[in-house]
Amino acid sequence: MHELGISRNIVAIVSDAAGGRRVRLVTIEIGKLSGVMPDALLFCFDLVAQGTALEGARLEIREIEPRMRCTACAAEFAAVCDGVACACGSRRLAPLAGEELNIKAMELEEVA
């Protein structure tokens, strides 16, 4: 389960960026072709966040749909699954979206 390692990295990166302030919300983007399981990541995040500035923070996951470009005809299209072919028949595709894993935003508690 590589989601545990990913969760540790998210917590470390956000903790550093928060500068000691408590974090309420972390928003990430996960591409559907990234191989990361959102449910497993949510579970691991809660465990890894314990005892850190992220304890109790909500992890919001936005899933990114796959998009491909055909290297034969340059057509761009949404890919519904792995192994799809272009309308031209080519299977030589370059991913445009769907493999990402990005921390997009964090919400911090206000300092009194």
C-alpha atoms as a PDB file:
ATOM      1  CA  MET A   1       0.000   0.000   0.000  1.00  0.00           C
ATOM      2  CA  HIS A   2       1.964   3.006  -1.254  1.00  0.00           C
ATOM      3  CA  GLU A   3      -0.838   5.308  -0.068  1.00  0.00           C
ATOM      4  CA  LEU A   4       0.767   5.258   3.393  1.00  0.00           C
ATOM      5  CA  GLY A   5       3.995   6.739   2.016  1.00  0.00           C
ATOM      6  CA  ILE A   6       2.063   9.259  -0.058  1.00  0.00           C
ATOM      7  CA  SER A   7       0.097  10.304   3.035  1.00  0.00           C
ATOM      8  CA  ARG A   8       3.339  10.786   4.974  1.00  0.00           C
ATOM      9  CA  ASN A   9       4.681  13.007   2.206  1.00  0.00           C
ATOM     10  CA  ILE A  10       1.483  15.069   2.045  1.00  0.00           C
ATOM     11  CA  VAL A  11       1.526  15.606   5.812  1.00  0.00           C
ATOM     12  CA  ALA A  12       5.222  16.570   5.760  1.00  0.00           C
ATOM     13  CA  ILE A  13       4.853  19.010   2.852  1.00  0.00           C
ATOM     14  CA  VAL A  14       1.726  20.676   4.249  1.00  0.00           C
ATOM     15  CA  SER A  15       3.170  20.816   7.780  1.00  0.00           C
ATOM     16  CA  ASP A  16       6.241  22.629   6.476  1.00  0.00           C
ATOM     17  CA  ALA A  17       4.135  25.043   4.439  1.00  0.00           C
ATOM     18  CA  ALA A  18       1.797  25.719   7.385  1.00  0.00           C
ATOM     19  CA  GLY A  19       4.695  26.961   9.514  1.00  0.00           C
ATOM     20  CA  GLY A  20       3.354  25.529  12.753  1.00  0.00           C
ATOM     21  CA  ARG A  21      -0.240  26.671  12.261  1.00  0.00           C
ATOM     22  CA  ARG A  22      -3.067  24.145  12.521  1.00  0.00           C
ATOM     23  CA  VAL A  23      -4.444  22.900   9.228  1.00  0.00           C
ATOM     24  CA  ARG A  24      -8.193  22.497   8.699  1.00  0.00           C
ATOM     25  CA  LEU A  25      -8.347  21.295   5.107  1.00  0.00           C
ATOM     26  CA  VAL A  26      -5.993  19.915   2.487  1.00  0.00           C
ATOM     27  CA  THR A  27      -7.147  19.691  -1.129  1.00  0.00           C
ATOM     28  CA  ILE A  28      -5.362  17.361  -3.518  1.00  0.00           C
ATOM     29  CA  GLU A  29      -5.851  16.237  -7.104  1.00  0.00           C
ATOM     30  CA  ILE A  30      -5.430  12.597  -8.025  1.00  0.00           C
ATOM     31  CA  GLY A  31      -5.494  11.415 -11.603  1.00  0.00           C
ATOM     32  CA  LYS A  32      -7.559   8.300 -12.192  1.00  0.00           C
ATOM     33  CA  LEU A  33      -4.576   6.714 -13.964  1.00  0.00           C
ATOM     34  CA  SER A  34      -2.148   7.493 -11.113  1.00  0.00           C
ATOM     35  CA  GLY A  35      -2.634   4.161  -9.386  1.00  0.00           C
ATOM     36  CA  VAL A  36      -3.509   5.893  -6.105  1.00  0.00           C
ATOM     37  CA  MET A  37      -6.644   4.639  -4.361  1.00  0.00           C
ATOM     38  CA  PRO A  38      -8.528   7.623  -2.872  1.00  0.00           C
ATOM     39  CA  ASP A  39     -10.231   5.586  -0.113  1.00  0.00           C
ATOM     40  CA  ALA A  40      -6.917   4.104   1.024  1.00  0.00           C
ATOM     41  CA  LEU A  41      -5.311   7.550   0.959  1.00  0.00           C
ATOM     42  CA  LEU A  42      -8.103   8.985   3.132  1.00  0.00           C
ATOM     43  CA  PHE A  43      -7.653   6.180   5.648  1.00  0.00           C
ATOM     44  CA  CYS A  44      -3.873   6.561   5.776  1.00  0.00           C
ATOM     45  CA  PHE A  45      -4.043  10.353   5.951  1.00  0.00           C
ATOM     46  CA  ASP A  46      -6.049  10.271   9.186  1.00  0.00           C
ATOM     47  CA  LEU A  47      -3.545   7.885  10.757  1.00  0.00           C
ATOM     48  CA  VAL A  48      -0.436   9.763   9.654  1.00  0.00           C
ATOM     49  CA  ALA A  49      -1.869  13.169  10.637  1.00  0.00           C
ATOM     50  CA  GLN A  50      -2.261  12.165  14.299  1.00  0.00           C
ATOM     51  CA  GLY A  51      -0.018  14.232  16.532  1.00  0.00           C
ATOM     52  CA  THR A  52       0.766  16.786  13.796  1.00  0.00           C
ATOM     53  CA  ALA A  53      -0.589  20.195  12.803  1.00  0.00           C
ATOM     54  CA  LEU A  54      -2.881  18.282  10.440  1.00  0.00           C
ATOM     55  CA  GLU A  55      -4.603  16.208  13.116  1.00  0.00           C
ATOM     56  CA  GLY A  56      -8.349  16.518  12.541  1.00  0.00           C
ATOM     57  CA  ALA A  57      -7.884  18.144   9.131  1.00  0.00           C
ATOM     58  CA  ARG A  58     -10.141  17.064   6.298  1.00  0.00           C
ATOM     59  CA  LEU A  59      -8.552  15.700   3.138  1.00  0.00           C
ATOM     60  CA  GLU A  60     -10.510  16.708   0.045  1.00  0.00           C
ATOM     61  CA  ILE A  61      -9.713  14.664  -3.039  1.00  0.00           C
ATOM     62  CA  ARG A  62     -10.552  15.833  -6.551  1.00  0.00           C
ATOM     63  CA  GLU A  63     -10.243  13.072  -9.112  1.00  0.00           C
ATOM     64  CA  ILE A  64      -8.917  14.051 -12.535  1.00  0.00           C
ATOM     65  CA  GLU A  65     -10.360  12.297 -15.560  1.00  0.00           C
ATOM     66  CA  PRO A  66      -7.866  10.868 -18.047  1.00  0.00           C
ATOM     67  CA  ARG A  67      -7.251  12.734 -21.309  1.00  0.00           C
ATOM     68  CA  MET A  68      -5.071  11.453 -24.130  1.00  0.00           C
ATOM     69  CA  ARG A  69      -3.486  12.732 -27.331  1.00  0.00           C
ATOM     70  CA  CYS A  70      -2.985  10.386 -30.242  1.00  0.00           C
ATOM     71  CA  THR A  71       0.602  10.553 -31.469  1.00  0.00           C
ATOM     72  CA  ALA A  72      -0.504   9.406 -34.923  1.00  0.00           C
ATOM     73  CA  CYS A  73      -3.203  11.993 -35.699  1.00  0.00           C
ATOM     74  CA  ALA A  74      -2.902  14.484 -32.775  1.00  0.00           C
ATOM     75  CA  ALA A  75      -6.537  14.030 -31.732  1.00  0.00           C
ATOM     76  CA  GLU A  76      -7.268  14.744 -28.067  1.00  0.00           C
ATOM     77  CA  PHE A  77      -9.984  12.871 -26.195  1.00  0.00           C
ATOM     78  CA  ALA A  78     -11.210  11.683 -22.823  1.00  0.00           C
ATOM     79  CA  ALA A  79     -10.049   8.173 -22.026  1.00  0.00           C
ATOM     80  CA  VAL A  80     -12.581   6.051 -20.190  1.00  0.00           C
ATOM     81  CA  CYS A  81     -10.070   3.312 -19.297  1.00  0.00           C
ATOM     82  CA  ASP A  82      -6.558   2.044 -19.933  1.00  0.00           C
ATOM     83  CA  GLY A  83      -5.926   0.445 -23.289  1.00  0.00           C
ATOM     84  CA  VAL A  84      -8.236   2.677 -25.294  1.00  0.00           C
ATOM     85  CA  ALA A  85      -7.616   3.407 -28.943  1.00  0.00           C
ATOM     86  CA  CYS A  86      -8.021   6.632 -30.874  1.00  0.00           C
ATOM     87  CA  ALA A  87     -10.833   6.958 -33.398  1.00  0.00           C
ATOM     88  CA  CYS A  88      -8.138   6.635 -36.086  1.00  0.00           C
ATOM     89  CA  GLY A  89      -7.317   3.161 -34.727  1.00  0.00           C
ATOM     90  CA  SER A  90      -3.934   4.015 -33.236  1.00  0.00           C
ATOM     91  CA  ARG A  91      -3.069   2.903 -29.717  1.00  0.00           C
ATOM     92  CA  ARG A  92      -0.024   5.194 -29.544  1.00  0.00           C
ATOM     93  CA  LEU A  93      -1.337   7.667 -27.009  1.00  0.00           C
ATOM     94  CA  ALA A  94       0.320  10.285 -24.851  1.00  0.00           C
ATOM     95  CA  PRO A  95      -1.357  11.151 -21.548  1.00  0.00           C
ATOM     96  CA  LEU A  96      -2.411  14.773 -21.116  1.00  0.00           C
ATOM     97  CA  ALA A  97      -4.175  14.367 -17.765  1.00  0.00           C
ATOM     98  CA  GLY A  98      -5.053  11.633 -15.339  1.00  0.00           C
ATOM     99  CA  GLU A  99      -1.665  10.690 -13.885  1.00  0.00           C
ATOM    100  CA  GLU A 100      -1.192  13.642 -11.547  1.00  0.00           C
ATOM    101  CA  LEU A 101      -0.961  13.764  -7.787  1.00  0.00           C
ATOM    102  CA  ASN A 102      -0.876  17.405  -6.658  1.00  0.00           C
ATOM    103  CA  ILE A 103      -1.424  19.265  -3.419  1.00  0.00           C
ATOM    104  CA  LYS A 104      -3.623  22.144  -4.593  1.00  0.00           C
ATOM    105  CA  ALA A 105      -4.578  24.046  -1.438  1.00  0.00           C
ATOM    106  CA  MET A 106      -4.659  24.086   2.326  1.00  0.00           C
ATOM    107  CA  GLU A 107      -6.853  25.935   4.778  1.00  0.00           C
ATOM    108  CA  LEU A 108      -5.257  27.094   8.015  1.00  0.00           C
ATOM    109  CA  GLU A 109      -6.822  28.117  11.307  1.00  0.00           C
ATOM    110  CA  GLU A 110      -6.656  31.822  11.931  1.00  0.00           C
ATOM    111  CA  VAL A 111      -4.137  33.063  14.449  1.00  0.00           C
ATOM    112  CA  ALA A 112      -5.733  34.844  17.428  1.00  0.00           C
END
